[in-house]
């Protein structure tokens, strides 16, 4: 999903250096850079590590910093938005929510101008029209954004979630959401909004804005540059677009309370969770850390 590519943190580095020293890392050795953002939330005998991720990656993102890997090693469970290895569930959700009802095709639901721009982007990316003919407009937009990111060197197979699973063999993995729920959120877009969502995507791909923003955001995430991430995300969410409105109203305002409630339920038996979710869910007055604090958790921003 497009929102999975938007990353943000609130504060630059902060007390992160002190915590690295507490993790018994020799300051004289070349440091692995801090990336993303990290919180710790505690309530009685429940500890939650919250690590802000991006859902695509590249080899230069790794290894992750020692404090993150130590927190992962000590956790009882690895908690993700989705289990990226459950491809059957993702495929079933895609078939249910992201495809048109046969024999309808995308050419029958788009205006002439949107079809023209879609063909331009397909030609530029080398994607055959038949590959998207049966897809909903929003799904085409997300596919084209993902393809563009992959061409820029960012692959989902190298995403943070995959890396964390590979470095926590045998550790139980808990998914906070289902693929059916996540893709079902796009059902809230009506036909007009879907076409506008796609058109906004196409225009940003044709003028190069998407690639530029993604590169800037990935760079800021890779340096834990909270100030830059905050500025970028505020600018994007402030836009008067269908994409920005949908992101704020549905992908954040609806999901964050559910995510916080699910995380809190995991702690009923006094366990420690390492929770890796999209960084955007960790910022703002109604972010997951803020919502956990309202539930009585003591929340610390590590960096």
C-alpha atoms as a PDB file:
ATOM      1  CA  UNK A   1       0.000   0.000   0.000  1.00  0.00           C
ATOM      2  CA  UNK A   2       1.143   3.533  -0.734  1.00  0.00           C
ATOM      3  CA  UNK A   3       0.999   4.537   2.908  1.00  0.00           C
ATOM      4  CA  UNK A   4       3.458   1.761   3.729  1.00  0.00           C
ATOM      5  CA  UNK A   5       6.068   3.796   1.872  1.00  0.00           C
ATOM      6  CA  UNK A   6       5.582   6.966   3.961  1.00  0.00           C
ATOM      7  CA  UNK A   7       7.938   7.055   6.909  1.00  0.00           C
ATOM      8  CA  UNK A   8       8.313   9.487   9.788  1.00  0.00           C
ATOM      9  CA  UNK A   9       9.799  10.027  13.250  1.00  0.00           C
ATOM     10  CA  UNK A  10       9.397  12.937  15.663  1.00  0.00           C
ATOM     11  CA  UNK A  11      12.754  13.605  17.284  1.00  0.00           C
ATOM     12  CA  UNK A  12      16.306  13.324  15.987  1.00  0.00           C
ATOM     13  CA  UNK A  13      18.527  10.756  17.770  1.00  0.00           C
ATOM     14  CA  UNK A  14      17.992  12.182  21.280  1.00  0.00           C
ATOM     15  CA  UNK A  15      19.035   9.707  23.963  1.00  0.00           C
ATOM     16  CA  UNK A  16      19.862   6.985  21.461  1.00  0.00           C
ATOM     17  CA  UNK A  17      23.621   7.254  22.011  1.00  0.00           C
ATOM     18  CA  UNK A  18      23.230   6.636  25.728  1.00  0.00           C
ATOM     19  CA  UNK A  19      21.163   3.563  25.068  1.00  0.00           C
ATOM     20  CA  UNK A  20      23.752   2.200  22.641  1.00  0.00           C
ATOM     21  CA  UNK A  21      26.341   2.513  25.387  1.00  0.00           C
ATOM     22  CA  UNK A  22      23.958   0.741  27.755  1.00  0.00           C
ATOM     23  CA  UNK A  23      23.843  -2.093  25.227  1.00  0.00           C
ATOM     24  CA  UNK A  24      27.587  -2.631  25.840  1.00  0.00           C
ATOM     25  CA  UNK A  25      28.638  -1.325  22.434  1.00  0.00           C
ATOM     26  CA  UNK A  26      32.157   0.095  22.416  1.00  0.00           C
ATOM     27  CA  UNK A  27      31.859   3.747  21.290  1.00  0.00           C
ATOM     28  CA  UNK A  28      35.322   3.500  19.728  1.00  0.00           C
ATOM     29  CA  UNK A  29      34.196   0.920  17.187  1.00  0.00           C
ATOM     30  CA  UNK A  30      32.604   2.082  13.954  1.00  0.00           C
ATOM     31  CA  UNK A  31      28.958   2.640  14.827  1.00  0.00           C
ATOM     32  CA  UNK A  32      26.064   1.117  12.957  1.00  0.00           C
ATOM     33  CA  UNK A  33      23.829   4.109  12.244  1.00  0.00           C
ATOM     34  CA  UNK A  34      20.505   4.546  13.973  1.00  0.00           C
ATOM     35  CA  UNK A  35      17.552   4.058  11.645  1.00  0.00           C
ATOM     36  CA  UNK A  36      13.844   4.746  11.872  1.00  0.00           C
ATOM     37  CA  UNK A  37      12.665   5.372  15.428  1.00  0.00           C
ATOM     38  CA  UNK A  38      12.437   3.305  18.612  1.00  0.00           C
ATOM     39  CA  UNK A  39      10.106   3.527  21.625  1.00  0.00           C
ATOM     40  CA  UNK A  40       9.781   1.485  24.799  1.00  0.00           C
ATOM     41  CA  UNK A  41       6.410   1.233  26.543  1.00  0.00           C
ATOM     42  CA  UNK A  42       5.988  -0.475  29.917  1.00  0.00           C
ATOM     43  CA  UNK A  43       3.034  -1.265  32.140  1.00  0.00           C
ATOM     44  CA  UNK A  44       3.534  -3.475  35.200  1.00  0.00           C
ATOM     45  CA  UNK A  45       5.201  -6.623  33.782  1.00  0.00           C
ATOM     46  CA  UNK A  46       4.455  -5.854  30.109  1.00  0.00           C
ATOM     47  CA  UNK A  47       7.181  -4.354  27.926  1.00  0.00           C
ATOM     48  CA  UNK A  48       6.646  -3.264  24.353  1.00  0.00           C
ATOM     49  CA  UNK A  49       9.423  -2.195  22.008  1.00  0.00           C
ATOM     50  CA  UNK A  50       8.018  -0.160  19.112  1.00  0.00           C
ATOM     51  CA  UNK A  51      10.255   0.068  16.059  1.00  0.00           C
ATOM     52  CA  UNK A  52       9.201   2.252  13.131  1.00  0.00           C
ATOM     53  CA  UNK A  53       9.761   0.511   9.829  1.00  0.00           C
ATOM     54  CA  UNK A  54       9.548   0.942   6.109  1.00  0.00           C
ATOM     55  CA  UNK A  55       8.042  -1.983   4.259  1.00  0.00           C
ATOM     56  CA  UNK A  56      10.626  -2.094   1.490  1.00  0.00           C
ATOM     57  CA  UNK A  57      14.391  -2.019   1.754  1.00  0.00           C
ATOM     58  CA  UNK A  58      17.827  -2.512   0.287  1.00  0.00           C
ATOM     59  CA  UNK A  59      21.058  -4.142   1.408  1.00  0.00           C
ATOM     60  CA  UNK A  60      22.507  -0.855   2.688  1.00  0.00           C
ATOM     61  CA  UNK A  61      19.853  -0.761   5.443  1.00  0.00           C
ATOM     62  CA  UNK A  62      21.544  -3.633   7.261  1.00  0.00           C
ATOM     63  CA  UNK A  63      22.668  -4.623   9.795  1.00  0.00           C
ATOM     64  CA  UNK A  64      20.293  -2.843  12.140  1.00  0.00           C
ATOM     65  CA  UNK A  65      21.739  -1.126  15.191  1.00  0.00           C
ATOM     66  CA  UNK A  66      22.645  -3.242  18.274  1.00  0.00           C
ATOM     67  CA  UNK A  67      19.972  -1.837  20.595  1.00  0.00           C
ATOM     68  CA  UNK A  68      17.264  -2.875  18.137  1.00  0.00           C
ATOM     69  CA  UNK A  69      18.668  -6.367  17.694  1.00  0.00           C
ATOM     70  CA  UNK A  70      19.116  -6.794  21.441  1.00  0.00           C
ATOM     71  CA  UNK A  71      15.506  -5.791  22.067  1.00  0.00           C
ATOM     72  CA  UNK A  72      14.403  -8.274  19.399  1.00  0.00           C
ATOM     73  CA  UNK A  73      16.475 -11.077  20.937  1.00  0.00           C
ATOM     74  CA  UNK A  74      15.042 -10.489  24.418  1.00  0.00           C
ATOM     75  CA  UNK A  75      11.413 -10.289  23.284  1.00  0.00           C
ATOM     76  CA  UNK A  76       9.018 -13.195  23.695  1.00  0.00           C
ATOM     77  CA  UNK A  77       7.303 -12.408  20.399  1.00  0.00           C
ATOM     78  CA  UNK A  78       7.925 -10.558  17.161  1.00  0.00           C
ATOM     79  CA  UNK A  79       4.805  -8.556  16.326  1.00  0.00           C
ATOM     80  CA  UNK A  80       4.152  -7.262  12.795  1.00  0.00           C
ATOM     81  CA  UNK A  81       1.278  -5.587  10.990  1.00  0.00           C
ATOM     82  CA  UNK A  82       1.032  -8.632   8.730  1.00  0.00           C
ATOM     83  CA  UNK A  83       2.885 -11.907   8.442  1.00  0.00           C
ATOM     84  CA  UNK A  84       4.751 -11.345   5.139  1.00  0.00           C
ATOM     85  CA  UNK A  85       5.205 -15.084   4.670  1.00  0.00           C
ATOM     86  CA  UNK A  86       1.451 -15.772   4.520  1.00  0.00           C
ATOM     87  CA  UNK A  87       1.118 -15.401   0.764  1.00  0.00           C
ATOM     88  CA  UNK A  88      -2.102 -17.453   0.438  1.00  0.00           C
ATOM     89  CA  UNK A  89      -3.929 -14.987   2.709  1.00  0.00           C
ATOM     90  CA  UNK A  90      -2.586 -12.026   0.741  1.00  0.00           C
ATOM     91  CA  UNK A  91      -3.585 -13.566  -2.575  1.00  0.00           C
ATOM     92  CA  UNK A  92      -7.093 -14.310  -1.311  1.00  0.00           C
ATOM     93  CA  UNK A  93      -7.487 -10.754  -0.009  1.00  0.00           C
ATOM     94  CA  UNK A  94      -6.234  -9.340  -3.300  1.00  0.00           C
ATOM     95  CA  UNK A  95      -8.751 -11.393  -5.257  1.00  0.00           C
ATOM     96  CA  UNK A  96     -11.563 -10.225  -2.994  1.00  0.00           C
ATOM     97  CA  UNK A  97     -10.810  -6.510  -2.758  1.00  0.00           C
ATOM     98  CA  UNK A  98      -8.425  -5.492  -5.530  1.00  0.00           C
ATOM     99  CA  UNK A  99     -10.008  -6.960  -8.630  1.00  0.00           C
ATOM    100  CA  UNK A 100     -12.913  -5.871 -10.812  1.00  0.00           C
ATOM    101  CA  UNK A 101     -15.936  -8.090 -11.243  1.00  0.00           C
ATOM    102  CA  UNK A 102     -15.563  -9.949 -14.576  1.00  0.00           C
ATOM    103  CA  UNK A 103     -16.088  -9.222 -17.370  1.00  0.00           C
ATOM    104  CA  UNK A 104     -15.475  -5.595 -16.364  1.00  0.00           C
ATOM    105  CA  UNK A 105     -12.035  -4.199 -17.242  1.00  0.00           C
ATOM    106  CA  UNK A 106     -10.163  -1.084 -16.213  1.00  0.00           C
ATOM    107  CA  UNK A 107     -10.804   0.539 -19.594  1.00  0.00           C
ATOM    108  CA  UNK A 108     -14.521   0.544 -18.828  1.00  0.00           C
ATOM    109  CA  UNK A 109     -14.236   2.428 -15.533  1.00  0.00           C
ATOM    110  CA  UNK A 110     -11.665   5.149 -16.310  1.00  0.00           C
ATOM    111  CA  UNK A 111     -11.998   8.418 -18.176  1.00  0.00           C
ATOM    112  CA  UNK A 112     -10.132   8.898 -21.445  1.00  0.00           C
ATOM    113  CA  UNK A 113      -7.572  11.203 -19.814  1.00  0.00           C
ATOM    114  CA  UNK A 114      -6.825   8.799 -16.968  1.00  0.00           C
ATOM    115  CA  UNK A 115      -6.463   5.948 -19.448  1.00  0.00           C
ATOM    116  CA  UNK A 116      -4.020   8.052 -21.465  1.00  0.00           C
ATOM    117  CA  UNK A 117      -1.819   8.762 -18.441  1.00  0.00           C
ATOM    118  CA  UNK A 118      -2.050   5.152 -17.310  1.00  0.00           C
ATOM    119  CA  UNK A 119      -0.774   3.974 -20.671  1.00  0.00           C
ATOM    120  CA  UNK A 120       2.134   6.435 -20.444  1.00  0.00           C
ATOM    121  CA  UNK A 121       3.197   5.029 -17.077  1.00  0.00           C
ATOM    122  CA  UNK A 122       2.744   1.440 -18.207  1.00  0.00           C
ATOM    123  CA  UNK A 123       4.929   2.113 -21.239  1.00  0.00           C
ATOM    124  CA  UNK A 124       7.574   3.788 -19.097  1.00  0.00           C
ATOM    125  CA  UNK A 125       7.706   0.863 -16.677  1.00  0.00           C
ATOM    126  CA  UNK A 126       7.394  -1.820 -19.337  1.00  0.00           C
ATOM    127  CA  UNK A 127       4.193  -3.227 -17.834  1.00  0.00           C
ATOM    128  CA  UNK A 128       1.741  -4.879 -20.209  1.00  0.00           C
ATOM    129  CA  UNK A 129      -1.808  -3.412 -20.076  1.00  0.00           C
ATOM    130  CA  UNK A 130      -3.172  -6.930 -19.694  1.00  0.00           C
ATOM    131  CA  UNK A 131      -1.378  -7.210 -16.342  1.00  0.00           C
ATOM    132  CA  UNK A 132      -3.616  -4.527 -14.792  1.00  0.00           C
ATOM    133  CA  UNK A 133      -6.765  -4.895 -16.913  1.00  0.00           C
ATOM    134  CA  UNK A 134      -8.724  -6.689 -14.201  1.00  0.00           C
ATOM    135  CA  UNK A 135      -7.564  -4.621 -11.218  1.00  0.00           C
ATOM    136  CA  UNK A 136      -9.304  -1.913  -9.232  1.00  0.00           C
ATOM    137  CA  UNK A 137      -7.884   1.600  -9.852  1.00  0.00           C
ATOM    138  CA  UNK A 138      -6.441   1.889  -6.331  1.00  0.00           C
ATOM    139  CA  UNK A 139      -4.674  -1.449  -6.712  1.00  0.00           C
ATOM    140  CA  UNK A 140      -3.125  -0.349 -10.013  1.00  0.00           C
ATOM    141  CA  UNK A 141      -1.831   2.797  -8.317  1.00  0.00           C
ATOM    142  CA  UNK A 142      -0.197   0.824  -5.525  1.00  0.00           C
ATOM    143  CA  UNK A 143       1.271  -1.702  -7.961  1.00  0.00           C
ATOM    144  CA  UNK A 144       2.814   1.065 -10.069  1.00  0.00           C
ATOM    145  CA  UNK A 145       4.271   2.761  -7.003  1.00  0.00           C
ATOM    146  CA  UNK A 146       5.749  -0.535  -5.796  1.00  0.00           C
ATOM    147  CA  UNK A 147       7.193  -1.224  -9.258  1.00  0.00           C
ATOM    148  CA  UNK A 148       8.752   2.230  -9.377  1.00  0.00           C
ATOM    149  CA  UNK A 149      10.333   1.741  -5.960  1.00  0.00           C
ATOM    150  CA  UNK A 150      11.692  -1.628  -7.012  1.00  0.00           C
ATOM    151  CA  UNK A 151      13.231  -0.061 -10.116  1.00  0.00           C
ATOM    152  CA  UNK A 152      14.846   2.489  -7.768  1.00  0.00           C
ATOM    153  CA  UNK A 153      16.493  -0.281  -5.756  1.00  0.00           C
ATOM    154  CA  UNK A 154      13.929  -0.790  -2.968  1.00  0.00           C
ATOM    155  CA  UNK A 155      12.424  -4.271  -2.744  1.00  0.00           C
ATOM    156  CA  UNK A 156       9.768  -5.702  -0.423  1.00  0.00           C
ATOM    157  CA  UNK A 157      11.891  -8.840  -0.116  1.00  0.00           C
ATOM    158  CA  UNK A 158      14.512  -6.684   1.624  1.00  0.00           C
ATOM    159  CA  UNK A 159      11.990  -4.968   3.876  1.00  0.00           C
ATOM    160  CA  UNK A 160      12.536  -4.603   7.597  1.00  0.00           C
ATOM    161  CA  UNK A 161       9.900  -7.178   8.545  1.00  0.00           C
ATOM    162  CA  UNK A 162      11.574  -9.856   6.465  1.00  0.00           C
ATOM    163  CA  UNK A 163      14.964  -9.016   7.963  1.00  0.00           C
ATOM    164  CA  UNK A 164      13.610  -9.200  11.519  1.00  0.00           C
ATOM    165  CA  UNK A 165      12.009 -12.584  10.891  1.00  0.00           C
ATOM    166  CA  UNK A 166      15.243 -13.927   9.444  1.00  0.00           C
ATOM    167  CA  UNK A 167      17.147 -12.790  12.532  1.00  0.00           C
ATOM    168  CA  UNK A 168      14.666 -14.183  15.043  1.00  0.00           C
ATOM    169  CA  UNK A 169      14.511 -17.886  14.085  1.00  0.00           C
ATOM    170  CA  UNK A 170      12.040 -19.833  16.146  1.00  0.00           C
ATOM    171  CA  UNK A 171      10.548 -16.734  17.751  1.00  0.00           C
ATOM    172  CA  UNK A 172       6.726 -16.659  17.586  1.00  0.00           C
ATOM    173  CA  UNK A 173       5.390 -14.141  15.069  1.00  0.00           C
ATOM    174  CA  UNK A 174       2.103 -12.366  15.795  1.00  0.00           C
ATOM    175  CA  UNK A 175       0.215 -10.392  13.142  1.00  0.00           C
ATOM    176  CA  UNK A 176      -1.795  -7.404  14.379  1.00  0.00           C
ATOM    177  CA  UNK A 177      -3.929  -7.247  11.240  1.00  0.00           C
ATOM    178  CA  UNK A 178      -5.052  -9.510   8.442  1.00  0.00           C
ATOM    179  CA  UNK A 179      -4.444  -8.963   4.751  1.00  0.00           C
ATOM    180  CA  UNK A 180      -8.206  -9.044   4.246  1.00  0.00           C
ATOM    181  CA  UNK A 181      -8.666  -6.187   6.716  1.00  0.00           C
ATOM    182  CA  UNK A 182      -5.862  -4.062   5.248  1.00  0.00           C
ATOM    183  CA  UNK A 183      -6.927  -4.400   1.627  1.00  0.00           C
ATOM    184  CA  UNK A 184     -10.569  -4.085   2.630  1.00  0.00           C
ATOM    185  CA  UNK A 185      -9.869  -0.542   3.813  1.00  0.00           C
ATOM    186  CA  UNK A 186      -9.698   0.511   0.168  1.00  0.00           C
ATOM    187  CA  UNK A 187     -13.317  -0.552  -0.262  1.00  0.00           C
ATOM    188  CA  UNK A 188     -14.165   2.772   1.385  1.00  0.00           C
ATOM    189  CA  UNK A 189     -13.094   4.591  -1.782  1.00  0.00           C
ATOM    190  CA  UNK A 190     -16.002   4.994  -4.182  1.00  0.00           C
ATOM    191  CA  UNK A 191     -15.525   4.821  -7.956  1.00  0.00           C
ATOM    192  CA  UNK A 192     -14.850   8.554  -8.332  1.00  0.00           C
ATOM    193  CA  UNK A 193     -12.353   8.582  -5.461  1.00  0.00           C
ATOM    194  CA  UNK A 194     -10.610   5.502  -6.786  1.00  0.00           C
ATOM    195  CA  UNK A 195     -10.045   7.107 -10.177  1.00  0.00           C
ATOM    196  CA  UNK A 196      -8.749  10.291  -8.530  1.00  0.00           C
ATOM    197  CA  UNK A 197      -6.453   8.228  -6.296  1.00  0.00           C
ATOM    198  CA  UNK A 198      -5.042   6.554  -9.400  1.00  0.00           C
ATOM    199  CA  UNK A 199      -4.778   9.851 -11.280  1.00  0.00           C
ATOM    200  CA  UNK A 200      -2.844  11.473  -8.422  1.00  0.00           C
ATOM    201  CA  UNK A 201      -0.467   8.531  -8.468  1.00  0.00           C
ATOM    202  CA  UNK A 202       0.000   8.656 -12.235  1.00  0.00           C
ATOM    203  CA  UNK A 203       0.725  12.372 -12.214  1.00  0.00           C
ATOM    204  CA  UNK A 204       3.309  12.008  -9.445  1.00  0.00           C
ATOM    205  CA  UNK A 205       4.977   9.157 -11.326  1.00  0.00           C
ATOM    206  CA  UNK A 206       5.069  11.054 -14.606  1.00  0.00           C
ATOM    207  CA  UNK A 207       6.551  14.207 -13.080  1.00  0.00           C
ATOM    208  CA  UNK A 208       9.051  12.271 -10.958  1.00  0.00           C
ATOM    209  CA  UNK A 209       7.658  13.482  -7.635  1.00  0.00           C
ATOM    210  CA  UNK A 210       7.005   9.992  -6.254  1.00  0.00           C
ATOM    211  CA  UNK A 211      10.534   8.741  -6.905  1.00  0.00           C
ATOM    212  CA  UNK A 212      12.070  11.897  -5.447  1.00  0.00           C
ATOM    213  CA  UNK A 213       9.920  11.816  -2.302  1.00  0.00           C
ATOM    214  CA  UNK A 214      10.561   8.123  -1.758  1.00  0.00           C
ATOM    215  CA  UNK A 215      14.324   8.557  -2.059  1.00  0.00           C
ATOM    216  CA  UNK A 216      14.284  11.503   0.353  1.00  0.00           C
ATOM    217  CA  UNK A 217      12.166   9.635   2.881  1.00  0.00           C
ATOM    218  CA  UNK A 218      14.238   6.461   2.677  1.00  0.00           C
ATOM    219  CA  UNK A 219      17.400   8.480   3.207  1.00  0.00           C
ATOM    220  CA  UNK A 220      15.917  10.231   6.236  1.00  0.00           C
ATOM    221  CA  UNK A 221      14.730   6.915   7.696  1.00  0.00           C
ATOM    222  CA  UNK A 222      18.173   5.424   7.158  1.00  0.00           C
ATOM    223  CA  UNK A 223      19.725   8.244   9.215  1.00  0.00           C
ATOM    224  CA  UNK A 224      16.969   8.396  11.862  1.00  0.00           C
ATOM    225  CA  UNK A 225      16.518  12.006  10.785  1.00  0.00           C
ATOM    226  CA  UNK A 226      13.291  12.682  12.641  1.00  0.00           C
ATOM    227  CA  UNK A 227      13.141  16.354  11.732  1.00  0.00           C
ATOM    228  CA  UNK A 228      13.308  15.624   8.015  1.00  0.00           C
ATOM    229  CA  UNK A 229      10.788  12.797   8.262  1.00  0.00           C
ATOM    230  CA  UNK A 230       8.365  14.946  10.245  1.00  0.00           C
ATOM    231  CA  UNK A 231       8.567  17.748   7.703  1.00  0.00           C
ATOM    232  CA  UNK A 232       8.077  15.433   4.731  1.00  0.00           C
ATOM    233  CA  UNK A 233       5.091  13.616   6.153  1.00  0.00           C
ATOM    234  CA  UNK A 234       3.376  16.780   7.335  1.00  0.00           C
ATOM    235  CA  UNK A 235       3.712  18.226   3.846  1.00  0.00           C
ATOM    236  CA  UNK A 236       2.217  15.151   2.209  1.00  0.00           C
ATOM    237  CA  UNK A 237      -0.683  14.755   4.632  1.00  0.00           C
ATOM    238  CA  UNK A 238      -1.530  18.464   4.340  1.00  0.00           C
ATOM    239  CA  UNK A 239      -2.194  18.168   0.617  1.00  0.00           C
ATOM    240  CA  UNK A 240      -5.794  18.594  -0.583  1.00  0.00           C
ATOM    241  CA  UNK A 241      -5.866  15.248  -2.347  1.00  0.00           C
ATOM    242  CA  UNK A 242      -7.903  12.079  -2.154  1.00  0.00           C
ATOM    243  CA  UNK A 243      -4.707  10.218  -1.228  1.00  0.00           C
ATOM    244  CA  UNK A 244      -3.907  12.503   1.725  1.00  0.00           C
ATOM    245  CA  UNK A 245      -7.499  12.500   2.990  1.00  0.00           C
ATOM    246  CA  UNK A 246      -7.767   8.718   2.752  1.00  0.00           C
ATOM    247  CA  UNK A 247      -4.435   8.310   4.526  1.00  0.00           C
ATOM    248  CA  UNK A 248      -5.461  10.533   7.419  1.00  0.00           C
ATOM    249  CA  UNK A 249      -9.062   9.351   7.806  1.00  0.00           C
ATOM    250  CA  UNK A 250      -8.758   5.629   7.089  1.00  0.00           C
ATOM    251  CA  UNK A 251      -5.176   4.405   7.157  1.00  0.00           C
ATOM    252  CA  UNK A 252      -4.317   6.285  10.367  1.00  0.00           C
ATOM    253  CA  UNK A 253      -7.402   7.418  12.302  1.00  0.00           C
ATOM    254  CA  UNK A 254      -9.135   4.055  11.919  1.00  0.00           C
ATOM    255  CA  UNK A 255      -6.138   1.800  12.296  1.00  0.00           C
ATOM    256  CA  UNK A 256      -4.090   3.352  15.096  1.00  0.00           C
ATOM    257  CA  UNK A 257      -6.663   2.687  17.876  1.00  0.00           C
ATOM    258  CA  UNK A 258      -7.030  -0.909  16.687  1.00  0.00           C
ATOM    259  CA  UNK A 259      -3.262  -1.398  16.616  1.00  0.00           C
ATOM    260  CA  UNK A 260      -2.845   0.030  20.123  1.00  0.00           C
ATOM    261  CA  UNK A 261      -5.679  -2.115  21.492  1.00  0.00           C
ATOM    262  CA  UNK A 262      -4.217  -5.266  19.946  1.00  0.00           C
ATOM    263  CA  UNK A 263      -0.765  -4.524  21.370  1.00  0.00           C
ATOM    264  CA  UNK A 264      -2.229  -3.949  24.828  1.00  0.00           C
ATOM    265  CA  UNK A 265      -4.073  -7.289  24.685  1.00  0.00           C
ATOM    266  CA  UNK A 266      -0.794  -9.085  24.004  1.00  0.00           C
ATOM    267  CA  UNK A 267       0.504  -7.978  27.392  1.00  0.00           C
ATOM    268  CA  UNK A 268      -2.226  -9.537  29.498  1.00  0.00           C
ATOM    269  CA  UNK A 269       0.078 -12.384  30.511  1.00  0.00           C
ATOM    270  CA  UNK A 270       3.174 -10.315  31.279  1.00  0.00           C
ATOM    271  CA  UNK A 271       5.262 -10.767  28.165  1.00  0.00           C
ATOM    272  CA  UNK A 272       7.703  -8.672  26.141  1.00  0.00           C
ATOM    273  CA  UNK A 273       6.897  -7.840  22.534  1.00  0.00           C
ATOM    274  CA  UNK A 274       9.065  -6.396  19.782  1.00  0.00           C
ATOM    275  CA  UNK A 275       6.541  -4.565  17.605  1.00  0.00           C
ATOM    276  CA  UNK A 276       7.647  -3.475  14.130  1.00  0.00           C
ATOM    277  CA  UNK A 277       5.059  -1.333  12.338  1.00  0.00           C
ATOM    278  CA  UNK A 278       5.078   1.420   9.740  1.00  0.00           C
ATOM    279  CA  UNK A 279       6.792   4.497  11.100  1.00  0.00           C
ATOM    280  CA  UNK A 280       3.830   6.741  10.312  1.00  0.00           C
ATOM    281  CA  UNK A 281       1.852   4.954  13.031  1.00  0.00           C
ATOM    282  CA  UNK A 282       4.379   6.185  15.604  1.00  0.00           C
ATOM    283  CA  UNK A 283       3.934   9.911  15.110  1.00  0.00           C
ATOM    284  CA  UNK A 284       1.371  12.537  16.035  1.00  0.00           C
ATOM    285  CA  UNK A 285      -1.090  13.115  18.887  1.00  0.00           C
ATOM    286  CA  UNK A 286      -3.080  10.001  18.026  1.00  0.00           C
ATOM    287  CA  UNK A 287      -0.124   7.740  17.280  1.00  0.00           C
ATOM    288  CA  UNK A 288       0.231   4.251  18.714  1.00  0.00           C
ATOM    289  CA  UNK A 289       2.702   5.414  21.431  1.00  0.00           C
ATOM    290  CA  UNK A 290       0.301   8.201  22.439  1.00  0.00           C
ATOM    291  CA  UNK A 291      -2.645   5.815  22.552  1.00  0.00           C
ATOM    292  CA  UNK A 292      -0.661   3.351  24.688  1.00  0.00           C
ATOM    293  CA  UNK A 293       0.195   6.192  27.072  1.00  0.00           C
ATOM    294  CA  UNK A 294      -3.531   6.912  27.435  1.00  0.00           C
ATOM    295  CA  UNK A 295      -3.951   3.259  28.399  1.00  0.00           C
ATOM    296  CA  UNK A 296      -1.548   3.745  31.308  1.00  0.00           C
ATOM    297  CA  UNK A 297       1.730   2.722  29.695  1.00  0.00           C
ATOM    298  CA  UNK A 298       4.931   4.574  30.502  1.00  0.00           C
ATOM    299  CA  UNK A 299       6.227   5.474  27.054  1.00  0.00           C
ATOM    300  CA  UNK A 300       9.861   6.462  26.411  1.00  0.00           C
ATOM    301  CA  UNK A 301      11.208   7.636  23.080  1.00  0.00           C
ATOM    302  CA  UNK A 302      14.637   6.029  22.785  1.00  0.00           C
ATOM    303  CA  UNK A 303      15.552   7.833  19.558  1.00  0.00           C
END
